[in-house]
Amino acid sequence: MLAKHLLNVSKALRGATLRNASKAPTTPFAGGGLRSTMNDLPQPEGDWQEHYNRRNLKNTAVLSVGIITLISSIYMHFTDEAINWNYTVPVYDRCL
């Protein structure tokens, strides 16, 4: 019973999908036509320089935080000797 119902539903969905796929889209766009044009794009408003300056200030802040983090992490690695950079001759225990 359930299998027969699922088979009927799948046939109905398959048929509806094929019928809808063969039709051309008839939804109107913002300009009123059936195809989108350059007139349907949003028009820029406001001063572009103000927006550019705000975005540039944010990018500069992110860059400066990144540089400060890089310098501080390199400093910490050199002072804590967490990484052996092999820039000195190691001291060996000469007990034989």
N, C-alpha and C. Protein backbone atom coordinates (compact mmCIF):
# COMPACT_ATOMS: atom_id res chain seq x y z
N MET A 1 0.82 -1.18 0.00
CA MET A 1 0.00 0.00 0.00
C MET A 1 0.87 1.26 0.00
N LEU A 2 1.84 1.29 0.92
CA LEU A 2 2.73 2.44 1.00
C LEU A 2 3.61 2.53 -0.24
N ALA A 3 4.09 1.39 -0.72
CA ALA A 3 4.94 1.37 -1.91
C ALA A 3 4.17 1.87 -3.12
N LYS A 4 2.91 1.48 -3.24
CA LYS A 4 2.09 1.92 -4.37
C LYS A 4 1.87 3.44 -4.31
N HIS A 5 1.64 3.95 -3.09
CA HIS A 5 1.43 5.39 -2.91
C HIS A 5 2.70 6.16 -3.28
N LEU A 6 3.86 5.68 -2.81
CA LEU A 6 5.12 6.35 -3.13
C LEU A 6 5.41 6.32 -4.62
N LEU A 7 5.06 5.24 -5.29
CA LEU A 7 5.25 5.14 -6.73
C LEU A 7 4.38 6.15 -7.46
N ASN A 8 3.13 6.30 -7.05
CA ASN A 8 2.25 7.29 -7.67
C ASN A 8 2.74 8.71 -7.44
N VAL A 9 3.22 8.99 -6.23
CA VAL A 9 3.73 10.33 -5.93
C VAL A 9 4.96 10.63 -6.76
N SER A 10 5.87 9.66 -6.89
CA SER A 10 7.08 9.89 -7.67
C SER A 10 6.76 10.10 -9.14
N LYS A 11 5.77 9.39 -9.68
CA LYS A 11 5.36 9.60 -11.07
C LYS A 11 4.77 10.99 -11.26
N ALA A 12 3.97 11.43 -10.31
CA ALA A 12 3.36 12.75 -10.41
C ALA A 12 4.42 13.84 -10.34
N LEU A 13 5.38 13.69 -9.44
CA LEU A 13 6.45 14.69 -9.33
C LEU A 13 7.32 14.71 -10.57
N ARG A 14 7.63 13.54 -11.11
CA ARG A 14 8.46 13.46 -12.30
C ARG A 14 7.76 14.14 -13.48
N GLY A 15 6.46 13.90 -13.62
CA GLY A 15 5.71 14.51 -14.71
C GLY A 15 5.62 16.02 -14.55
N ALA A 16 5.42 16.50 -13.32
CA ALA A 16 5.33 17.94 -13.08
C ALA A 16 6.67 18.60 -13.34
N THR A 17 7.75 17.94 -12.97
CA THR A 17 9.07 18.51 -13.19
C THR A 17 9.37 18.61 -14.68
N LEU A 18 9.04 17.59 -15.44
CA LEU A 18 9.29 17.63 -16.88
C LEU A 18 8.42 18.67 -17.56
N ARG A 19 7.18 18.83 -17.14
CA ARG A 19 6.31 19.84 -17.73
C ARG A 19 6.83 21.24 -17.44
N ASN A 20 7.30 21.47 -16.21
CA ASN A 20 7.78 22.80 -15.84
C ASN A 20 9.13 23.11 -16.48
N ALA A 21 9.95 22.11 -16.72
CA ALA A 21 11.26 22.34 -17.30
C ALA A 21 11.17 22.72 -18.76
N SER A 22 10.11 22.29 -19.45
CA SER A 22 10.02 22.57 -20.88
C SER A 22 9.49 23.97 -21.17
N LYS A 23 8.92 24.65 -20.18
CA LYS A 23 8.37 25.98 -20.39
C LYS A 23 9.45 27.04 -20.21
N ALA A 24 9.35 28.10 -21.00
CA ALA A 24 10.26 29.23 -20.86
C ALA A 24 9.81 30.06 -19.66
N PRO A 25 10.75 30.70 -18.98
CA PRO A 25 10.37 31.52 -17.83
C PRO A 25 9.55 32.72 -18.28
N THR A 26 8.47 32.99 -17.58
CA THR A 26 7.61 34.12 -17.92
C THR A 26 7.52 35.11 -16.77
N THR A 27 8.42 35.01 -15.81
CA THR A 27 8.40 35.92 -14.67
C THR A 27 8.96 37.26 -15.10
N PRO A 28 8.23 38.35 -14.88
CA PRO A 28 8.75 39.65 -15.28
C PRO A 28 9.85 40.12 -14.33
N PHE A 29 10.79 40.88 -14.86
CA PHE A 29 11.88 41.42 -14.07
C PHE A 29 11.50 42.81 -13.56
N ALA A 30 12.41 43.46 -12.89
CA ALA A 30 12.11 44.75 -12.27
C ALA A 30 11.74 45.80 -13.31
N GLY A 31 12.35 45.75 -14.48
CA GLY A 31 12.06 46.74 -15.51
C GLY A 31 10.75 46.50 -16.22
N GLY A 32 10.10 45.38 -15.99
CA GLY A 32 8.83 45.09 -16.61
C GLY A 32 8.94 44.15 -17.79
N GLY A 33 10.14 43.92 -18.29
CA GLY A 33 10.31 43.02 -19.42
C GLY A 33 10.48 41.58 -18.97
N LEU A 34 10.62 40.69 -19.96
CA LEU A 34 10.82 39.28 -19.65
C LEU A 34 12.29 38.93 -19.54
N ARG A 35 13.17 39.80 -19.92
CA ARG A 35 14.61 39.58 -19.81
C ARG A 35 15.21 40.70 -18.96
N SER A 36 16.28 40.37 -18.25
CA SER A 36 16.93 41.40 -17.45
C SER A 36 17.83 42.24 -18.34
N THR A 37 17.90 43.51 -18.04
CA THR A 37 18.74 44.44 -18.80
C THR A 37 19.62 45.21 -17.81
N MET A 38 20.47 46.07 -18.34
CA MET A 38 21.32 46.90 -17.49
C MET A 38 20.49 47.88 -16.66
N ASN A 39 19.30 48.22 -17.12
CA ASN A 39 18.44 49.14 -16.38
C ASN A 39 17.88 48.50 -15.11
N ASP A 40 17.91 47.18 -15.00
CA ASP A 40 17.41 46.50 -13.81
C ASP A 40 18.42 46.48 -12.67
N LEU A 41 19.68 46.84 -12.95
CA LEU A 41 20.71 46.85 -11.91
C LEU A 41 20.50 48.03 -10.96
N PRO A 42 20.88 47.90 -9.70
CA PRO A 42 20.73 49.02 -8.77
C PRO A 42 21.70 50.15 -9.11
N GLN A 43 21.24 51.37 -8.91
CA GLN A 43 22.06 52.54 -9.18
C GLN A 43 22.86 52.91 -7.93
N PRO A 44 24.14 53.25 -8.07
CA PRO A 44 24.93 53.64 -6.89
C PRO A 44 24.45 54.98 -6.34
N GLU A 45 24.46 55.08 -5.02
CA GLU A 45 24.04 56.31 -4.36
C GLU A 45 25.09 56.70 -3.34
N GLY A 46 25.21 57.99 -3.10
CA GLY A 46 26.13 58.48 -2.08
C GLY A 46 27.52 58.71 -2.64
N ASP A 47 28.40 59.15 -1.73
CA ASP A 47 29.77 59.49 -2.09
C ASP A 47 30.63 58.23 -2.04
N TRP A 48 31.28 57.90 -3.15
CA TRP A 48 32.10 56.70 -3.19
C TRP A 48 33.37 56.89 -2.37
N GLN A 49 33.87 58.13 -2.28
CA GLN A 49 35.12 58.38 -1.56
C GLN A 49 34.95 58.10 -0.06
N GLU A 50 33.82 58.45 0.49
CA GLU A 50 33.57 58.19 1.91
C GLU A 50 33.54 56.69 2.20
N HIS A 51 32.87 55.94 1.34
CA HIS A 51 32.83 54.48 1.51
C HIS A 51 34.22 53.88 1.35
N TYR A 52 34.98 54.36 0.39
CA TYR A 52 36.34 53.87 0.15
C TYR A 52 37.23 54.14 1.36
N ASN A 53 37.12 55.34 1.94
CA ASN A 53 37.95 55.69 3.09
C ASN A 53 37.62 54.83 4.31
N ARG A 54 36.32 54.55 4.54
CA ARG A 54 35.95 53.69 5.66
C ARG A 54 36.48 52.28 5.48
N ARG A 55 36.36 51.75 4.26
CA ARG A 55 36.84 50.39 3.99
C ARG A 55 38.36 50.33 4.08
N ASN A 56 39.04 51.39 3.61
CA ASN A 56 40.50 51.43 3.65
C ASN A 56 40.99 51.53 5.10
N LEU A 57 40.26 52.26 5.95
CA LEU A 57 40.64 52.36 7.36
C LEU A 57 40.53 51.00 8.05
N LYS A 58 39.48 50.27 7.74
CA LYS A 58 39.31 48.93 8.32
C LYS A 58 40.42 47.99 7.84
N ASN A 59 40.73 48.03 6.55
CA ASN A 59 41.78 47.16 6.02
C ASN A 59 43.14 47.51 6.61
N THR A 60 43.41 48.80 6.82
CA THR A 60 44.67 49.22 7.43
C THR A 60 44.76 48.73 8.87
N ALA A 61 43.65 48.79 9.60
CA ALA A 61 43.65 48.30 10.98
C ALA A 61 43.92 46.80 11.04
N VAL A 62 43.31 46.04 10.15
CA VAL A 62 43.53 44.59 10.12
C VAL A 62 44.98 44.29 9.76
N LEU A 63 45.54 45.03 8.81
CA LEU A 63 46.94 44.83 8.42
C LEU A 63 47.88 45.14 9.57
N SER A 64 47.63 46.25 10.29
CA SER A 64 48.52 46.61 11.40
C SER A 64 48.44 45.60 12.54
N VAL A 65 47.25 45.09 12.83
CA VAL A 65 47.12 44.05 13.87
C VAL A 65 47.87 42.79 13.45
N GLY A 66 47.81 42.44 12.18
CA GLY A 66 48.53 41.27 11.69
C GLY A 66 50.04 41.43 11.80
N ILE A 67 50.53 42.62 11.45
CA ILE A 67 51.98 42.86 11.53
C ILE A 67 52.44 42.84 12.98
N ILE A 68 51.67 43.46 13.88
CA ILE A 68 52.03 43.45 15.30
C ILE A 68 52.03 42.03 15.86
N THR A 69 51.06 41.23 15.47
CA THR A 69 50.99 39.84 15.91
C THR A 69 52.18 39.04 15.39
N LEU A 70 52.56 39.24 14.14
CA LEU A 70 53.71 38.54 13.56
C LEU A 70 54.99 38.91 14.29
N ILE A 71 55.20 40.20 14.52
CA ILE A 71 56.43 40.64 15.19
C ILE A 71 56.48 40.12 16.62
N SER A 72 55.36 40.18 17.33
CA SER A 72 55.36 39.70 18.71
C SER A 72 55.55 38.20 18.79
N SER A 73 55.00 37.44 17.85
CA SER A 73 55.20 35.99 17.89
C SER A 73 56.64 35.62 17.57
N ILE A 74 57.27 36.31 16.63
CA ILE A 74 58.69 36.05 16.33
C ILE A 74 59.54 36.41 17.54
N TYR A 75 59.25 37.53 18.19
CA TYR A 75 59.99 37.93 19.39
C TYR A 75 59.85 36.88 20.49
N MET A 76 58.64 36.39 20.70
CA MET A 76 58.41 35.39 21.74
C MET A 76 59.16 34.09 21.44
N HIS A 77 59.22 33.70 20.20
CA HIS A 77 59.93 32.47 19.85
C HIS A 77 61.43 32.61 20.07
N PHE A 78 61.98 33.78 19.78
CA PHE A 78 63.41 33.96 19.98
C PHE A 78 63.76 34.09 21.46
N THR A 79 62.92 34.76 22.24
CA THR A 79 63.26 34.95 23.65
C THR A 79 62.97 33.72 24.50
N ASP A 80 61.93 32.97 24.19
CA ASP A 80 61.61 31.78 24.98
C ASP A 80 62.40 30.56 24.53
N GLU A 81 63.07 30.65 23.43
CA GLU A 81 63.81 29.54 22.84
C GLU A 81 62.90 28.33 22.67
N ALA A 82 61.69 28.58 22.24
CA ALA A 82 60.74 27.50 22.01
C ALA A 82 61.13 26.71 20.77
N ILE A 83 61.75 27.38 19.83
CA ILE A 83 62.20 26.73 18.60
C ILE A 83 63.72 26.84 18.54
N ASN A 84 64.39 25.73 18.29
CA ASN A 84 65.84 25.73 18.16
C ASN A 84 66.19 26.08 16.71
N TRP A 85 66.68 27.29 16.50
CA TRP A 85 66.98 27.76 15.15
C TRP A 85 68.37 27.32 14.68
N ASN A 86 69.16 26.66 15.55
CA ASN A 86 70.52 26.17 15.24
C ASN A 86 71.45 27.29 14.78
N TYR A 87 71.38 28.44 15.43
CA TYR A 87 72.31 29.51 15.09
C TYR A 87 73.50 29.56 16.04
N THR A 88 73.59 28.62 16.98
CA THR A 88 74.77 28.49 17.83
C THR A 88 75.20 27.02 17.84
N VAL A 89 76.42 26.81 18.24
CA VAL A 89 76.93 25.44 18.35
C VAL A 89 76.39 24.83 19.63
N PRO A 90 75.77 23.67 19.56
CA PRO A 90 75.21 23.07 20.77
C PRO A 90 76.31 22.61 21.73
N VAL A 91 76.01 22.65 23.01
CA VAL A 91 76.95 22.22 24.04
C VAL A 91 76.70 20.74 24.30
N TYR A 92 77.76 19.93 24.05
CA TYR A 92 77.63 18.49 24.25
C TYR A 92 78.27 18.11 25.57
N ASP A 93 77.73 17.10 26.20
CA ASP A 93 78.29 16.58 27.42
C ASP A 93 79.43 15.63 27.03
N ARG A 94 80.66 15.96 27.42
CA ARG A 94 81.84 15.20 27.00
C ARG A 94 82.22 14.11 28.01
N CYS A 95 81.27 13.54 28.68
CA CYS A 95 81.56 12.47 29.63
C CYS A 95 81.70 11.15 28.88
N LEU A 96 82.87 10.56 28.93
CA LEU A 96 83.09 9.27 28.26
C LEU A 96 83.27 8.19 29.25
